[in-house]
Amino acid sequence: MSTEPGARRRGVAETTAAIERATVDLVLEHGYDGVTVDMICRAAGVSQRTFFNHFKTKDAALLGPDLPRIDERAAREFIVSDGPLLAEAVGLVRIDPSKLPGDAGLMARRIRAISGNPLLMARQMERLAEIEGELREIVELRLRQQAIRAGADEAELAAIPDEAEITTHLLAGVMRYVGLTWSRRAEQGAPPPDGAEVADALGRVLRKLA
């Protein structure tokens, strides 16, 4: 029988955080493919049984439990807004604060570990894809209302679903940029980019692309 004195003394949240820290730090040191669950357990001071009680896979421990969701209040405000569409769309996605680690440095290291591996980035994007359909519907509602107010014709209205889909794909890229910028600044002890800064950066880029 495993005694796991360290795990016994820690609560569930502390044990989860210890496993996450060990996983992220080991991946940064050895690379994703060089890390095993056994290595994580040794570094975190837990048994494999405890590890799998908290996380189903190594990926889950690395990506963390912070699943994105739609902020319903932000969605209602977004649909009727005339502000910068992409910048405001970033605010549609929320992560439950109770699911975030208290250590801001851990979040920064996690983003760095994930962004350094295309496979992990793809898996992180898959999480966003779980709410992609809902995001697209919200964006389409806003575009349709704007078009109707502007007196759009049938052809312009028919093009809105495609426009909403393109916007949603662009949003995924913007969110990746925000996450990476947040990570770099957290490591420097600087505040994350706020909505106004993101809107300004997007405005400059979009003007150059037009």
C-alpha atoms as a PDB file:
ATOM      1  CA  MET A   1       0.000   0.000   0.000  1.00  0.00           C
ATOM      2  CA  SER A   2       1.355   3.412  -0.971  1.00  0.00           C
ATOM      3  CA  THR A   3       1.616   5.833   1.916  1.00  0.00           C
ATOM      4  CA  GLU A   4       2.094   9.025  -0.126  1.00  0.00           C
ATOM      5  CA  PRO A   5       2.618  11.211   2.957  1.00  0.00           C
ATOM      6  CA  GLY A   6       3.044  14.343   0.857  1.00  0.00           C
ATOM      7  CA  ALA A   7      -0.150  13.742  -1.091  1.00  0.00           C
ATOM      8  CA  ARG A   8      -2.054  12.972   2.120  1.00  0.00           C
ATOM      9  CA  ARG A   9      -1.050  16.270   3.676  1.00  0.00           C
ATOM     10  CA  ARG A  10      -2.036  18.205   0.571  1.00  0.00           C
ATOM     11  CA  GLY A  11      -5.615  18.909  -0.350  1.00  0.00           C
ATOM     12  CA  VAL A  12      -7.123  18.059  -3.722  1.00  0.00           C
ATOM     13  CA  ALA A  13      -6.417  21.511  -5.190  1.00  0.00           C
ATOM     14  CA  GLU A  14      -2.824  21.475  -3.943  1.00  0.00           C
ATOM     15  CA  THR A  15      -2.216  18.005  -5.359  1.00  0.00           C
ATOM     16  CA  THR A  16      -3.693  19.030  -8.707  1.00  0.00           C
ATOM     17  CA  ALA A  17      -1.484  22.122  -8.791  1.00  0.00           C
ATOM     18  CA  ALA A  18       1.609  20.070  -7.884  1.00  0.00           C
ATOM     19  CA  ILE A  19       0.935  17.659 -10.761  1.00  0.00           C
ATOM     20  CA  GLU A  20       0.366  20.536 -13.182  1.00  0.00           C
ATOM     21  CA  ARG A  21       3.573  22.307 -12.127  1.00  0.00           C
ATOM     22  CA  ALA A  22       5.601  19.117 -12.434  1.00  0.00           C
ATOM     23  CA  THR A  23       4.174  18.360 -15.879  1.00  0.00           C
ATOM     24  CA  VAL A  24       4.731  21.852 -17.277  1.00  0.00           C
ATOM     25  CA  ASP A  25       8.252  22.171 -15.883  1.00  0.00           C
ATOM     26  CA  LEU A  26       9.296  18.726 -17.098  1.00  0.00           C
ATOM     27  CA  VAL A  27       7.969  19.403 -20.606  1.00  0.00           C
ATOM     28  CA  LEU A  28       9.865  22.708 -20.738  1.00  0.00           C
ATOM     29  CA  GLU A  29      13.028  20.912 -19.618  1.00  0.00           C
ATOM     30  CA  HIS A  30      12.826  17.654 -21.572  1.00  0.00           C
ATOM     31  CA  GLY A  31      10.304  18.309 -24.344  1.00  0.00           C
ATOM     32  CA  TYR A  32       6.844  16.815 -24.591  1.00  0.00           C
ATOM     33  CA  ASP A  33       7.957  13.432 -25.962  1.00  0.00           C
ATOM     34  CA  GLY A  34      10.667  13.115 -23.309  1.00  0.00           C
ATOM     35  CA  VAL A  35       8.241  13.208 -20.377  1.00  0.00           C
ATOM     36  CA  THR A  36       6.387  10.208 -18.956  1.00  0.00           C
ATOM     37  CA  VAL A  37       3.678   9.901 -16.340  1.00  0.00           C
ATOM     38  CA  ASP A  38       6.230   8.147 -14.086  1.00  0.00           C
ATOM     39  CA  MET A  39       8.503  11.195 -14.290  1.00  0.00           C
ATOM     40  CA  ILE A  40       5.603  13.491 -13.445  1.00  0.00           C
ATOM     41  CA  CYS A  41       4.597  11.356 -10.455  1.00  0.00           C
ATOM     42  CA  ARG A  42       8.144  11.375  -9.057  1.00  0.00           C
ATOM     43  CA  ALA A  43       8.477  15.138  -9.494  1.00  0.00           C
ATOM     44  CA  ALA A  44       5.047  15.820  -7.960  1.00  0.00           C
ATOM     45  CA  GLY A  45       5.476  13.285  -5.140  1.00  0.00           C
ATOM     46  CA  VAL A  46       2.363  11.273  -5.992  1.00  0.00           C
ATOM     47  CA  SER A  47       1.549   7.733  -7.076  1.00  0.00           C
ATOM     48  CA  GLN A  48       0.229   6.865 -10.532  1.00  0.00           C
ATOM     49  CA  ARG A  49      -3.127   6.115  -8.922  1.00  0.00           C
ATOM     50  CA  THR A  50      -3.277   9.653  -7.545  1.00  0.00           C
ATOM     51  CA  PHE A  51      -2.185  11.091 -10.891  1.00  0.00           C
ATOM     52  CA  PHE A  52      -4.979   9.324 -12.742  1.00  0.00           C
ATOM     53  CA  ASN A  53      -7.492  10.351 -10.093  1.00  0.00           C
ATOM     54  CA  HIS A  54      -6.739  13.945 -11.079  1.00  0.00           C
ATOM     55  CA  PHE A  55      -5.931  13.672 -14.792  1.00  0.00           C
ATOM     56  CA  LYS A  56      -6.802  11.078 -17.407  1.00  0.00           C
ATOM     57  CA  THR A  57      -3.652  11.670 -19.478  1.00  0.00           C
ATOM     58  CA  LYS A  58      -0.338  13.509 -19.582  1.00  0.00           C
ATOM     59  CA  ASP A  59      -1.926  15.898 -22.071  1.00  0.00           C
ATOM     60  CA  ALA A  60      -4.696  16.778 -19.628  1.00  0.00           C
ATOM     61  CA  ALA A  61      -2.150  17.608 -16.926  1.00  0.00           C
ATOM     62  CA  LEU A  62      -0.221  19.816 -19.317  1.00  0.00           C
ATOM     63  CA  LEU A  63      -3.186  21.599 -20.899  1.00  0.00           C
ATOM     64  CA  GLY A  64      -4.937  22.012 -17.543  1.00  0.00           C
ATOM     65  CA  PRO A  65      -8.620  21.939 -16.615  1.00  0.00           C
ATOM     66  CA  ASP A  66      -9.308  25.515 -17.687  1.00  0.00           C
ATOM     67  CA  LEU A  67     -11.891  24.784 -20.393  1.00  0.00           C
ATOM     68  CA  PRO A  68     -13.202  27.816 -22.300  1.00  0.00           C
ATOM     69  CA  ARG A  69     -16.866  28.782 -22.302  1.00  0.00           C
ATOM     70  CA  ILE A  70     -19.038  31.530 -23.733  1.00  0.00           C
ATOM     71  CA  ASP A  71     -19.685  34.512 -21.477  1.00  0.00           C
ATOM     72  CA  GLU A  72     -23.453  34.978 -21.950  1.00  0.00           C
ATOM     73  CA  ARG A  73     -23.511  38.574 -20.756  1.00  0.00           C
ATOM     74  CA  ALA A  74     -20.633  39.500 -23.064  1.00  0.00           C
ATOM     75  CA  ALA A  75     -22.443  37.733 -25.920  1.00  0.00           C
ATOM     76  CA  ARG A  76     -25.592  39.820 -25.430  1.00  0.00           C
ATOM     77  CA  GLU A  77     -23.565  43.037 -25.422  1.00  0.00           C
ATOM     78  CA  PHE A  78     -21.490  41.909 -28.403  1.00  0.00           C
ATOM     79  CA  ILE A  79     -24.489  41.199 -30.633  1.00  0.00           C
ATOM     80  CA  VAL A  80     -25.821  44.767 -30.389  1.00  0.00           C
ATOM     81  CA  SER A  81     -22.438  46.522 -30.357  1.00  0.00           C
ATOM     82  CA  ASP A  82     -20.989  48.578 -33.214  1.00  0.00           C
ATOM     83  CA  GLY A  83     -17.435  48.438 -31.865  1.00  0.00           C
ATOM     84  CA  PRO A  84     -14.406  46.603 -33.354  1.00  0.00           C
ATOM     85  CA  LEU A  85     -15.764  43.145 -34.099  1.00  0.00           C
ATOM     86  CA  LEU A  86     -12.659  40.945 -33.668  1.00  0.00           C
ATOM     87  CA  ALA A  87     -11.375  42.735 -30.590  1.00  0.00           C
ATOM     88  CA  GLU A  88     -14.760  42.512 -28.910  1.00  0.00           C
ATOM     89  CA  ALA A  89     -15.149  38.872 -29.947  1.00  0.00           C
ATOM     90  CA  VAL A  90     -12.092  37.970 -27.845  1.00  0.00           C
ATOM     91  CA  GLY A  91     -14.134  38.953 -24.804  1.00  0.00           C
ATOM     92  CA  LEU A  92     -16.783  36.349 -25.629  1.00  0.00           C
ATOM     93  CA  VAL A  93     -14.579  33.539 -24.337  1.00  0.00           C
ATOM     94  CA  ARG A  94     -14.172  33.114 -20.615  1.00  0.00           C
ATOM     95  CA  ILE A  95     -12.349  30.633 -18.401  1.00  0.00           C
ATOM     96  CA  ASP A  96     -13.791  29.879 -14.974  1.00  0.00           C
ATOM     97  CA  PRO A  97     -11.436  31.657 -12.516  1.00  0.00           C
ATOM     98  CA  SER A  98     -11.854  28.786 -10.045  1.00  0.00           C
ATOM     99  CA  LYS A  99     -10.235  26.464 -12.615  1.00  0.00           C
ATOM    100  CA  LEU A 100      -7.168  28.665 -13.067  1.00  0.00           C
ATOM    101  CA  PRO A 101      -3.997  27.981 -11.080  1.00  0.00           C
ATOM    102  CA  GLY A 102      -3.246  30.623  -8.481  1.00  0.00           C
ATOM    103  CA  ASP A 103       0.333  30.764  -9.747  1.00  0.00           C
ATOM    104  CA  ALA A 104       0.460  33.226 -12.660  1.00  0.00           C
ATOM    105  CA  GLY A 105       3.939  31.933 -13.462  1.00  0.00           C
ATOM    106  CA  LEU A 106       2.519  28.464 -14.019  1.00  0.00           C
ATOM    107  CA  MET A 107       0.080  29.838 -16.581  1.00  0.00           C
ATOM    108  CA  ALA A 108       2.923  31.604 -18.371  1.00  0.00           C
ATOM    109  CA  ARG A 109       5.083  28.463 -18.428  1.00  0.00           C
ATOM    110  CA  ARG A 110       2.130  26.357 -19.571  1.00  0.00           C
ATOM    111  CA  ILE A 111       1.453  28.645 -22.527  1.00  0.00           C
ATOM    112  CA  ARG A 112       5.148  28.536 -23.437  1.00  0.00           C
ATOM    113  CA  ALA A 113       5.222  24.731 -23.215  1.00  0.00           C
ATOM    114  CA  ILE A 114       2.100  24.359 -25.362  1.00  0.00           C
ATOM    115  CA  SER A 115       3.066  26.962 -27.955  1.00  0.00           C
ATOM    116  CA  GLY A 116       6.423  25.259 -28.508  1.00  0.00           C
ATOM    117  CA  ASN A 117       4.754  22.080 -29.770  1.00  0.00           C
ATOM    118  CA  PRO A 118       2.500  22.139 -32.876  1.00  0.00           C
ATOM    119  CA  LEU A 119       0.651  19.000 -31.733  1.00  0.00           C
ATOM    120  CA  LEU A 120      -0.159  20.531 -28.358  1.00  0.00           C
ATOM    121  CA  MET A 121      -1.239  23.772 -29.997  1.00  0.00           C
ATOM    122  CA  ALA A 122      -3.583  21.749 -32.193  1.00  0.00           C
ATOM    123  CA  ARG A 123      -5.033  20.014 -29.146  1.00  0.00           C
ATOM    124  CA  GLN A 124      -5.511  23.330 -27.401  1.00  0.00           C
ATOM    125  CA  MET A 125      -7.295  24.634 -30.471  1.00  0.00           C
ATOM    126  CA  GLU A 126      -9.523  21.552 -30.364  1.00  0.00           C
ATOM    127  CA  ARG A 127     -10.744  22.776 -26.990  1.00  0.00           C
ATOM    128  CA  LEU A 128     -11.701  26.076 -28.557  1.00  0.00           C
ATOM    129  CA  ALA A 129     -13.350  24.147 -31.387  1.00  0.00           C
ATOM    130  CA  GLU A 130     -15.820  22.730 -28.840  1.00  0.00           C
ATOM    131  CA  ILE A 131     -17.390  26.193 -28.593  1.00  0.00           C
ATOM    132  CA  GLU A 132     -16.600  27.240 -32.173  1.00  0.00           C
ATOM    133  CA  GLY A 133     -20.131  26.584 -33.404  1.00  0.00           C
ATOM    134  CA  GLU A 134     -21.610  28.742 -30.666  1.00  0.00           C
ATOM    135  CA  LEU A 135     -19.085  31.509 -31.383  1.00  0.00           C
ATOM    136  CA  ARG A 136     -19.949  31.403 -35.084  1.00  0.00           C
ATOM    137  CA  GLU A 137     -23.667  31.713 -34.338  1.00  0.00           C
ATOM    138  CA  ILE A 138     -23.072  34.748 -32.115  1.00  0.00           C
ATOM    139  CA  VAL A 139     -20.857  36.423 -34.718  1.00  0.00           C
ATOM    140  CA  GLU A 140     -23.437  35.673 -37.417  1.00  0.00           C
ATOM    141  CA  LEU A 141     -26.216  37.240 -35.331  1.00  0.00           C
ATOM    142  CA  ARG A 142     -24.222  40.431 -34.979  1.00  0.00           C
ATOM    143  CA  LEU A 143     -23.286  40.574 -38.670  1.00  0.00           C
ATOM    144  CA  ARG A 144     -26.895  39.941 -39.693  1.00  0.00           C
ATOM    145  CA  GLN A 145     -28.270  42.659 -37.419  1.00  0.00           C
ATOM    146  CA  GLN A 146     -25.675  45.124 -38.684  1.00  0.00           C
ATOM    147  CA  ALA A 147     -26.475  44.211 -42.290  1.00  0.00           C
ATOM    148  CA  ILE A 148     -30.217  44.632 -41.778  1.00  0.00           C
ATOM    149  CA  ARG A 149     -29.733  48.020 -40.137  1.00  0.00           C
ATOM    150  CA  ALA A 150     -27.575  49.038 -43.093  1.00  0.00           C
ATOM    151  CA  GLY A 151     -30.266  47.945 -45.595  1.00  0.00           C
ATOM    152  CA  ALA A 152     -28.295  45.000 -47.035  1.00  0.00           C
ATOM    153  CA  ASP A 153     -29.701  43.237 -50.090  1.00  0.00           C
ATOM    154  CA  GLU A 154     -30.340  39.481 -50.410  1.00  0.00           C
ATOM    155  CA  ALA A 155     -26.881  38.730 -51.819  1.00  0.00           C
ATOM    156  CA  GLU A 156     -25.184  40.503 -48.914  1.00  0.00           C
ATOM    157  CA  LEU A 157     -27.358  38.668 -46.398  1.00  0.00           C
ATOM    158  CA  ALA A 158     -26.614  35.331 -48.090  1.00  0.00           C
ATOM    159  CA  ALA A 159     -22.871  35.935 -47.660  1.00  0.00           C
ATOM    160  CA  ILE A 160     -23.102  36.416 -43.882  1.00  0.00           C
ATOM    161  CA  PRO A 161     -22.641  32.730 -42.836  1.00  0.00           C
ATOM    162  CA  ASP A 162     -19.328  32.595 -44.729  1.00  0.00           C
ATOM    163  CA  GLU A 163     -18.256  35.905 -43.214  1.00  0.00           C
ATOM    164  CA  ALA A 164     -19.099  34.613 -39.739  1.00  0.00           C
ATOM    165  CA  GLU A 165     -17.074  31.446 -40.321  1.00  0.00           C
ATOM    166  CA  ILE A 166     -14.014  33.393 -41.503  1.00  0.00           C
ATOM    167  CA  THR A 167     -14.311  35.737 -38.527  1.00  0.00           C
ATOM    168  CA  THR A 168     -14.447  32.793 -36.126  1.00  0.00           C
ATOM    169  CA  HIS A 169     -11.256  31.309 -37.601  1.00  0.00           C
ATOM    170  CA  LEU A 170      -9.548  34.692 -37.312  1.00  0.00           C
ATOM    171  CA  LEU A 171     -10.688  34.869 -33.701  1.00  0.00           C
ATOM    172  CA  ALA A 172      -8.819  31.645 -32.896  1.00  0.00           C
ATOM    173  CA  GLY A 173      -5.609  33.255 -34.168  1.00  0.00           C
ATOM    174  CA  VAL A 174      -6.206  36.436 -32.179  1.00  0.00           C
ATOM    175  CA  MET A 175      -6.787  34.412 -29.018  1.00  0.00           C
ATOM    176  CA  ARG A 176      -3.516  32.564 -29.571  1.00  0.00           C
ATOM    177  CA  TYR A 177      -1.747  35.922 -29.914  1.00  0.00           C
ATOM    178  CA  VAL A 178      -3.343  37.170 -26.689  1.00  0.00           C
ATOM    179  CA  GLY A 179      -2.327  33.995 -24.849  1.00  0.00           C
ATOM    180  CA  LEU A 180       1.273  34.137 -26.020  1.00  0.00           C
ATOM    181  CA  THR A 181       1.527  37.845 -25.219  1.00  0.00           C
ATOM    182  CA  TRP A 182       0.078  37.182 -21.778  1.00  0.00           C
ATOM    183  CA  SER A 183       2.697  34.467 -21.240  1.00  0.00           C
ATOM    184  CA  ARG A 184       5.641  36.665 -22.227  1.00  0.00           C
ATOM    185  CA  ARG A 185       4.479  39.523 -20.033  1.00  0.00           C
ATOM    186  CA  ALA A 186       3.729  37.297 -17.049  1.00  0.00           C
ATOM    187  CA  GLU A 187       7.315  36.066 -17.131  1.00  0.00           C
ATOM    188  CA  GLN A 188       8.465  39.702 -17.116  1.00  0.00           C
ATOM    189  CA  GLY A 189       6.089  40.661 -14.306  1.00  0.00           C
ATOM    190  CA  ALA A 190       4.117  42.917 -16.673  1.00  0.00           C
ATOM    191  CA  PRO A 191       0.296  43.112 -16.889  1.00  0.00           C
ATOM    192  CA  PRO A 192      -1.536  41.195 -19.649  1.00  0.00           C
ATOM    193  CA  PRO A 193      -2.830  43.020 -22.734  1.00  0.00           C
ATOM    194  CA  ASP A 194      -6.213  44.623 -22.111  1.00  0.00           C
ATOM    195  CA  GLY A 195      -9.125  44.953 -24.503  1.00  0.00           C
ATOM    196  CA  ALA A 196      -8.142  48.441 -25.659  1.00  0.00           C
ATOM    197  CA  GLU A 197      -4.608  47.332 -26.486  1.00  0.00           C
ATOM    198  CA  VAL A 198      -5.830  44.307 -28.438  1.00  0.00           C
ATOM    199  CA  ALA A 199      -8.324  46.474 -30.335  1.00  0.00           C
ATOM    200  CA  ASP A 200      -5.603  48.991 -31.206  1.00  0.00           C
ATOM    201  CA  ALA A 201      -3.220  46.286 -32.447  1.00  0.00           C
ATOM    202  CA  LEU A 202      -5.941  44.633 -34.520  1.00  0.00           C
ATOM    203  CA  GLY A 203      -6.987  47.974 -35.988  1.00  0.00           C
ATOM    204  CA  ARG A 204      -3.452  48.673 -37.187  1.00  0.00           C
ATOM    205  CA  VAL A 205      -3.095  45.223 -38.723  1.00  0.00           C
ATOM    206  CA  LEU A 206      -6.484  45.208 -40.429  1.00  0.00           C
ATOM    207  CA  ARG A 207      -5.862  48.623 -41.975  1.00  0.00           C
ATOM    208  CA  LYS A 208      -2.686  47.254 -43.541  1.00  0.00           C
ATOM    209  CA  LEU A 209      -4.453  44.147 -44.826  1.00  0.00           C
ATOM    210  CA  ALA A 210      -7.330  46.029 -46.439  1.00  0.00           C
END
